[in-house]
Amino acid sequence: MKKYYPRNPFVRVHKPVAGAILLGFCMLLLLTHCKKEPIRGWEYWLESPAAPEIVKVTPVLKNCEPPYPVSFTQETNNLLGNIRYRWSFGDGTSSNDQNPVHIYQTEGLYTITLIVSNEIGADTLAFTVPGLDQSSVAVNSKFSYSHFNNNNFAPAKVHFSNESSGANQFYWHFGDGGESSNESPEHVFDSPGTYTVNLKGECTSGESDEYVQQIFISPAPQRVFIDSLNLMLPSGYSASGIYVEMYHNTTYVGRTLIVSSGSFPLKFRRPEDFVYGTFFDFVQFTANETFRFVVLRDDGSQYPEFLDEFMLSTVDIKNNHYPNAYYSLQTVPVVHDLFIDLYFSY
């Protein structure tokens, strides 16, 4: 049974069924969503995707008195094709930016309109900004944060998202002696501990507000798990009898299963594809530590055939703040189609 795809990229085509059943189904729907392919005589039920749907718009005042800079952040579903944004700010000006910033020189009750459209259709939302019609608004400081690579092991890189309103100047104190005047900064906490982070937001009138949160940074991990290992060898190698031994410095950790047959890249997954263990223990992440991956071939003789090896310094992982995935270890000099993809967890 063949499947026919019409040229319209926004039309989904269901696999044809028995003609009589589909014809009856189309008749029940008054033929409004059915199409007949003239050459083959096939009939199809067509279902067009939905038009864009604006979920919400978040406006934030960036000062406590006029002029009022206002940032607009929109969330829209069903983003297909060529998306167009049209903002009308209610003061005779407009923008086609996705998330614009607009300055209102005087207070007033402005009605803002957002239209999001594509080839399928459009959605419109009209709204007002609370406080924009007032001669002054209160400063309200607030922030949220997230850990780089979702890891909070020291050293930990943390991204701060400023959610303040009514302020246009910001003063950050991170609790470890570090400071910043950026609106939404990043900061690296070098040592484990609990840090009190203080954000002071201030506007042109001098009015200010402070917001405080505590952030816990864990000690550096000592155990590194191998979630998976993908081995790529040049096409001249046979995939039969290949396996990888793992070492932490000079200490043997374990190995993968021996592959009896297959094609490259060879994929090994925790835990079923590893023998003895899948982790490096008591890792200190100092400059003289290395992980070694030795690629061997079991050819049936007493000693396996050495093919190549890959090295990874633990300080490289530390400098990348313990990423959940570490990609593409390559030999030096680089050999075409010779690499290992490693996926780590802690």
Protein backbone atom coordinates (compact mmCIF):
# COMPACT_ATOMS: atom_id res chain seq x y z
CA MET A 1 0.00 0.00 0.00
CA LYS A 2 1.59 3.29 -1.08
CA LYS A 3 1.31 6.60 0.75
CA TYR A 4 0.75 9.85 -1.12
CA TYR A 5 2.10 13.15 0.21
CA PRO A 6 0.54 16.35 -1.20
CA ARG A 7 2.70 19.39 -1.80
CA ASN A 8 1.16 21.45 1.00
CA PRO A 9 3.61 20.94 3.91
CA PHE A 10 0.91 21.68 6.46
CA VAL A 11 -1.37 18.78 5.50
CA ARG A 12 -1.05 15.43 7.20
CA VAL A 13 -2.11 12.41 5.17
CA HIS A 14 -3.34 9.25 6.83
CA LYS A 15 -2.50 5.93 5.23
CA PRO A 16 -5.23 4.89 2.81
CA VAL A 17 -7.77 2.35 3.99
CA ALA A 18 -10.39 0.46 2.07
CA GLY A 19 -12.01 2.82 -0.41
CA ALA A 20 -15.58 2.14 0.63
CA ILE A 21 -14.86 2.76 4.31
CA LEU A 22 -13.03 6.01 3.62
CA LEU A 23 -15.65 7.19 1.15
CA GLY A 24 -18.35 6.59 3.73
CA PHE A 25 -16.30 8.43 6.33
CA CYS A 26 -15.91 11.38 3.95
CA MET A 27 -19.64 11.44 3.24
CA LEU A 28 -20.35 11.59 6.96
CA LEU A 29 -18.11 14.65 7.13
CA LEU A 30 -19.84 16.21 4.10
CA LEU A 31 -16.66 15.82 2.08
CA THR A 32 -15.19 18.97 3.67
CA HIS A 33 -11.88 17.33 4.55
CA CYS A 34 -11.50 14.81 1.74
CA LYS A 35 -9.40 14.89 -1.38
CA LYS A 36 -9.21 12.65 -4.42
CA GLU A 37 -5.91 12.12 -6.23
CA PRO A 38 -6.93 12.30 -9.91
CA ILE A 39 -4.34 9.95 -11.41
CA ARG A 40 -4.50 7.04 -8.99
CA GLY A 41 -8.06 7.59 -7.84
CA TRP A 42 -7.10 7.43 -4.17
CA GLU A 43 -9.19 9.29 -1.62
CA TYR A 44 -7.71 10.87 1.48
CA TRP A 45 -8.81 12.30 4.78
CA LEU A 46 -6.89 15.58 5.26
CA GLU A 47 -6.19 17.09 8.68
CA SER A 48 -4.60 20.55 8.72
CA PRO A 49 -2.47 21.56 11.73
CA ALA A 50 -3.79 24.22 14.03
CA ALA A 51 -2.98 27.90 13.56
CA PRO A 52 -0.68 29.67 16.05
CA GLU A 53 -2.17 30.06 19.52
CA ILE A 54 -0.87 32.76 21.87
CA VAL A 55 -0.60 31.24 25.35
CA LYS A 56 0.44 34.33 27.31
CA VAL A 57 2.38 37.59 27.18
CA THR A 58 4.49 38.75 30.13
CA PRO A 59 5.16 42.51 30.25
CA VAL A 60 7.71 43.89 32.74
CA LEU A 61 8.17 47.58 33.62
CA LYS A 62 11.87 48.47 33.76
CA ASN A 63 11.54 51.70 35.78
CA CYS A 64 9.47 53.05 38.67
CA GLU A 65 8.50 56.32 36.93
CA PRO A 66 8.16 57.60 33.35
CA PRO A 67 9.66 57.13 30.88
CA TYR A 68 8.71 53.45 31.23
CA PRO A 69 10.75 50.86 29.31
CA VAL A 70 8.61 47.73 29.03
CA SER A 71 9.89 44.32 27.95
CA PHE A 72 7.39 41.93 26.36
CA THR A 73 7.88 38.15 26.38
CA GLN A 74 5.33 36.04 24.52
CA GLU A 75 4.64 32.30 24.53
CA THR A 76 2.90 30.82 21.48
CA ASN A 77 1.99 27.26 20.50
CA ASN A 78 1.76 25.68 17.02
CA LEU A 79 4.77 27.47 15.56
CA LEU A 80 5.01 26.07 12.02
CA GLY A 81 6.22 27.57 8.79
CA ASN A 82 7.05 31.28 8.50
CA ILE A 83 6.06 32.84 11.81
CA ARG A 84 5.31 36.55 11.82
CA TYR A 85 4.94 38.75 14.91
CA ARG A 86 3.16 42.09 14.82
CA TRP A 87 3.07 44.28 17.94
CA SER A 88 1.02 47.48 18.18
CA PHE A 89 1.95 49.34 21.36
CA GLY A 90 -1.10 51.61 21.57
CA ASP A 91 0.88 54.84 21.14
CA GLY A 92 1.10 54.79 17.34
CA THR A 93 4.25 52.65 17.16
CA SER A 94 4.75 48.98 16.29
CA SER A 95 7.36 46.22 16.09
CA ASN A 96 7.91 42.90 14.31
CA ASP A 97 10.33 41.57 16.96
CA GLN A 98 9.55 38.31 18.68
CA ASN A 99 10.07 39.71 22.21
CA PRO A 100 10.46 43.49 21.95
CA VAL A 101 11.29 46.25 24.43
CA HIS A 102 9.32 49.49 24.06
CA ILE A 103 9.69 52.83 25.89
CA TYR A 104 6.55 54.75 26.91
CA GLN A 105 7.49 58.40 27.43
CA THR A 106 4.40 59.17 29.55
CA GLU A 107 2.06 57.14 31.69
CA GLY A 108 -1.27 56.13 30.16
CA LEU A 109 -3.78 53.38 29.60
CA TYR A 110 -2.31 51.82 26.46
CA THR A 111 -3.90 48.82 24.76
CA ILE A 112 -1.21 46.58 23.28
CA THR A 113 -2.09 44.15 20.49
CA LEU A 114 -0.05 41.13 19.42
CA ILE A 115 -0.79 39.18 16.22
CA VAL A 116 1.09 35.93 15.56
CA SER A 117 0.52 34.44 12.12
CA ASN A 118 1.78 31.92 9.56
CA GLU A 119 0.50 30.32 6.34
CA ILE A 120 -2.22 28.47 8.26
CA GLY A 121 -3.81 31.29 10.23
CA ALA A 122 -3.33 33.85 12.99
CA ASP A 123 -4.10 34.54 16.62
CA THR A 124 -4.61 37.94 18.24
CA LEU A 125 -4.27 39.06 21.86
CA ALA A 126 -5.06 42.53 23.20
CA PHE A 127 -4.06 43.54 26.73
CA THR A 128 -2.95 46.38 28.99
CA VAL A 129 0.11 46.63 31.23
CA PRO A 130 -0.65 47.01 34.97
CA GLY A 131 0.94 50.15 36.41
CA LEU A 132 1.63 51.79 33.05
CA ASP A 133 -1.16 54.34 33.68
CA GLN A 134 0.34 55.40 37.02
CA SER A 135 2.85 58.18 37.70
CA SER A 136 5.00 55.76 39.70
CA VAL A 137 5.17 52.05 40.54
CA ALA A 138 6.87 50.11 43.32
CA VAL A 139 10.23 48.41 42.80
CA ASN A 140 9.94 44.65 43.19
CA SER A 141 13.17 42.62 43.07
CA LYS A 142 13.13 38.90 42.34
CA PHE A 143 15.24 36.28 40.56
CA SER A 144 15.38 32.58 39.76
CA TYR A 145 18.43 30.50 38.90
CA SER A 146 19.53 27.34 37.12
CA HIS A 147 22.72 25.27 37.21
CA PHE A 148 24.87 24.96 34.11
CA ASN A 149 24.51 21.38 32.75
CA ASN A 150 22.05 20.71 35.60
CA ASN A 151 24.98 20.04 37.94
CA ASN A 152 25.59 21.86 41.20
CA PHE A 153 28.99 20.28 41.97
CA ALA A 154 31.78 22.70 42.83
CA PRO A 155 32.98 24.51 40.83
CA ALA A 156 29.38 25.26 39.80
CA LYS A 157 28.32 27.74 37.13
CA VAL A 158 24.93 29.28 37.94
CA HIS A 159 22.78 31.38 35.59
CA PHE A 160 20.55 33.97 37.28
CA SER A 161 17.31 35.10 35.62
CA ASN A 162 16.24 38.55 36.74
CA GLU A 163 12.47 38.73 37.28
CA SER A 164 12.39 42.21 38.86
CA SER A 165 9.97 45.00 37.91
CA GLY A 166 10.18 48.74 38.42
CA ALA A 167 14.01 48.71 38.45
CA ASN A 168 16.62 49.61 35.84
CA GLN A 169 19.82 49.19 37.88
CA PHE A 170 20.87 45.98 39.59
CA TYR A 171 23.47 45.08 42.20
CA TRP A 172 24.27 41.42 42.86
CA HIS A 173 26.17 39.98 45.82
CA PHE A 174 26.74 36.24 45.48
CA GLY A 175 27.78 35.45 49.06
CA ASP A 176 31.34 34.40 48.16
CA GLY A 177 32.76 37.89 47.65
CA GLY A 178 31.64 38.06 44.02
CA GLU A 179 29.52 40.94 42.68
CA SER A 180 27.88 41.98 39.42
CA SER A 181 25.85 44.84 37.96
CA ASN A 182 24.52 42.86 34.98
CA GLU A 183 20.80 42.38 34.68
CA SER A 184 20.94 38.56 34.47
CA PRO A 185 24.50 37.43 35.25
CA GLU A 186 26.32 34.10 35.44
CA HIS A 187 28.54 33.27 38.39
CA VAL A 188 30.90 30.41 39.21
CA PHE A 189 30.97 29.14 42.81
CA ASP A 190 34.41 27.58 43.23
CA SER A 191 33.86 25.84 46.58
CA PRO A 192 31.02 23.78 48.10
CA GLY A 193 28.75 25.42 50.65
CA THR A 194 25.55 27.37 51.17
CA TYR A 195 25.65 30.87 49.69
CA THR A 196 23.26 33.75 50.35
CA VAL A 197 22.66 35.61 47.09
CA ASN A 198 21.34 39.17 47.36
CA LEU A 199 19.81 41.16 44.49
CA LYS A 200 19.15 44.88 44.96
CA GLY A 201 17.02 46.52 42.27
CA GLU A 202 16.95 50.32 42.02
CA CYS A 203 15.16 52.84 39.77
CA THR A 204 15.97 56.40 38.68
CA SER A 205 14.22 57.92 41.70
CA GLY A 206 16.53 56.04 44.07
CA GLU A 207 13.78 53.72 45.32
CA SER A 208 15.06 50.17 45.76
CA ASP A 209 14.08 46.68 46.84
CA GLU A 210 16.14 43.63 47.82
CA TYR A 211 15.56 39.92 47.28
CA VAL A 212 17.54 37.10 48.92
CA GLN A 213 17.86 33.40 48.14
CA GLN A 214 20.21 30.70 49.38
CA ILE A 215 22.02 28.42 46.94
CA PHE A 216 23.60 25.11 47.95
CA ILE A 217 26.70 23.94 46.08
CA SER A 218 27.66 20.27 46.51
CA PRO A 219 31.21 18.97 46.97
CA ALA A 220 32.88 17.79 43.78
CA PRO A 221 31.75 14.27 42.77
CA GLN A 222 34.11 11.37 43.42
CA ARG A 223 32.40 8.78 41.25
CA VAL A 224 31.95 9.14 37.48
CA PHE A 225 29.56 6.73 35.76
CA ILE A 226 29.81 5.79 32.11
CA ASP A 227 26.23 5.80 30.85
CA SER A 228 27.24 4.81 27.33
CA LEU A 229 30.22 4.55 25.02
CA ASN A 230 30.13 4.74 21.23
CA LEU A 231 33.24 3.55 19.39
CA MET A 232 34.00 4.48 15.79
CA LEU A 233 36.85 2.82 13.86
CA PRO A 234 37.86 3.28 10.21
CA SER A 235 35.99 1.11 7.73
CA GLY A 236 39.03 -1.14 7.21
CA TYR A 237 38.52 -2.66 10.68
CA SER A 238 36.18 -5.56 11.27
CA ALA A 239 33.63 -4.96 14.03
CA SER A 240 34.03 -8.54 15.24
CA GLY A 241 36.00 -9.18 18.45
CA ILE A 242 36.32 -5.49 19.39
CA TYR A 243 36.14 -4.31 23.00
CA VAL A 244 37.35 -1.41 25.17
CA GLU A 245 39.29 -1.58 28.44
CA MET A 246 39.04 1.35 30.89
CA TYR A 247 41.66 2.68 33.31
CA HIS A 248 41.66 5.42 35.94
CA ASN A 249 45.28 6.55 35.85
CA THR A 250 46.98 3.12 35.88
CA THR A 251 44.17 1.33 37.75
CA TYR A 252 42.11 -1.11 35.68
CA VAL A 253 38.41 -0.32 36.04
CA GLY A 254 36.66 -2.75 33.69
CA ARG A 255 35.84 -3.35 30.07
CA THR A 256 33.00 -3.57 27.63
CA LEU A 257 31.61 -6.80 26.26
CA ILE A 258 33.40 -8.31 23.27
CA VAL A 259 31.38 -7.64 20.14
CA SER A 260 30.98 -10.79 18.05
CA SER A 261 29.59 -9.05 14.97
CA GLY A 262 28.09 -5.77 13.91
CA SER A 263 28.95 -2.49 12.24
CA PHE A 264 30.43 0.81 13.37
CA PRO A 265 29.82 2.75 15.43
CA LEU A 266 29.71 0.13 18.19
CA LYS A 267 27.37 1.10 21.01
CA PHE A 268 27.82 0.02 24.63
CA ARG A 269 25.17 0.89 27.24
CA ARG A 270 25.15 0.80 31.04
CA PRO A 271 24.87 -1.67 32.70
CA GLU A 272 24.37 -4.65 30.39
CA ASP A 273 27.29 -3.91 28.02
CA PHE A 274 29.98 -3.44 30.70
CA VAL A 275 31.93 -6.06 32.65
CA TYR A 276 32.83 -5.55 36.36
CA GLY A 277 31.83 -1.91 36.56
CA THR A 278 30.79 1.23 34.76
CA PHE A 279 32.31 3.88 37.02
CA PHE A 280 35.58 5.53 37.95
CA ASP A 281 35.79 5.75 41.74
CA PHE A 282 37.57 8.19 44.07
CA VAL A 283 38.08 10.77 41.35
CA GLN A 284 39.66 13.98 42.65
CA PHE A 285 39.62 15.98 39.39
CA THR A 286 43.23 17.08 39.84
CA ALA A 287 45.48 17.93 36.91
CA ASN A 288 47.46 14.65 36.99
CA GLU A 289 44.42 12.34 36.71
CA THR A 290 43.41 10.71 33.44
CA PHE A 291 40.84 8.28 32.12
CA ARG A 292 42.22 5.85 29.53
CA PHE A 293 40.18 3.88 27.01
CA VAL A 294 42.17 1.13 25.26
CA VAL A 295 40.64 -0.37 22.11
CA LEU A 296 41.51 -4.07 21.63
CA ARG A 297 40.59 -6.95 19.35
CA ASP A 298 40.21 -10.51 20.60
CA ASP A 299 41.57 -12.60 17.73
CA GLY A 300 41.58 -15.89 19.69
CA SER A 301 45.28 -15.75 20.60
CA GLN A 302 46.68 -15.47 24.13
CA TYR A 303 47.15 -11.72 23.87
CA PRO A 304 44.57 -9.38 22.31
CA GLU A 305 45.59 -7.11 19.47
CA PHE A 306 46.10 -3.45 20.46
CA LEU A 307 44.27 -1.09 18.11
CA ASP A 308 44.41 2.34 19.74
CA GLU A 309 43.76 4.29 22.93
CA PHE A 310 42.05 7.51 23.98
CA MET A 311 42.93 9.77 26.90
CA LEU A 312 40.71 12.16 28.86
CA SER A 313 42.02 14.38 31.63
CA THR A 314 39.72 14.83 34.61
CA VAL A 315 40.68 18.50 34.77
CA ASP A 316 39.05 18.88 31.34
CA ILE A 317 35.79 17.64 32.84
CA LYS A 318 36.18 20.00 35.79
CA ASN A 319 36.78 22.97 33.49
CA ASN A 320 33.53 22.10 31.71
CA HIS A 321 31.72 21.96 35.06
CA TYR A 322 30.94 18.25 35.04
CA PRO A 323 28.86 18.01 31.87
CA ASN A 324 26.30 15.23 31.67
CA ALA A 325 27.69 14.31 28.25
CA TYR A 326 31.27 14.49 26.98
CA TYR A 327 31.51 14.05 23.26
CA SER A 328 34.06 12.84 20.71
CA LEU A 329 37.38 11.88 22.22
CA GLN A 330 39.85 11.81 19.36
CA THR A 331 43.40 10.61 18.92
CA VAL A 332 46.35 12.96 18.43
CA PRO A 333 46.96 13.39 15.57
CA VAL A 334 43.33 13.06 14.51
CA VAL A 335 42.54 10.00 12.39
CA HIS A 336 39.50 10.03 10.12
CA ASP A 337 36.60 7.94 11.52
CA LEU A 338 38.45 7.13 14.75
CA PHE A 339 36.78 8.48 17.90
CA ILE A 340 34.83 7.61 21.05
CA ASP A 341 31.66 9.35 22.21
CA LEU A 342 31.31 9.19 26.00
CA TYR A 343 28.20 9.91 28.03
CA PHE A 344 28.83 10.52 31.74
CA SER A 345 26.78 10.94 34.88
CA TYR A 346 27.71 11.45 38.52
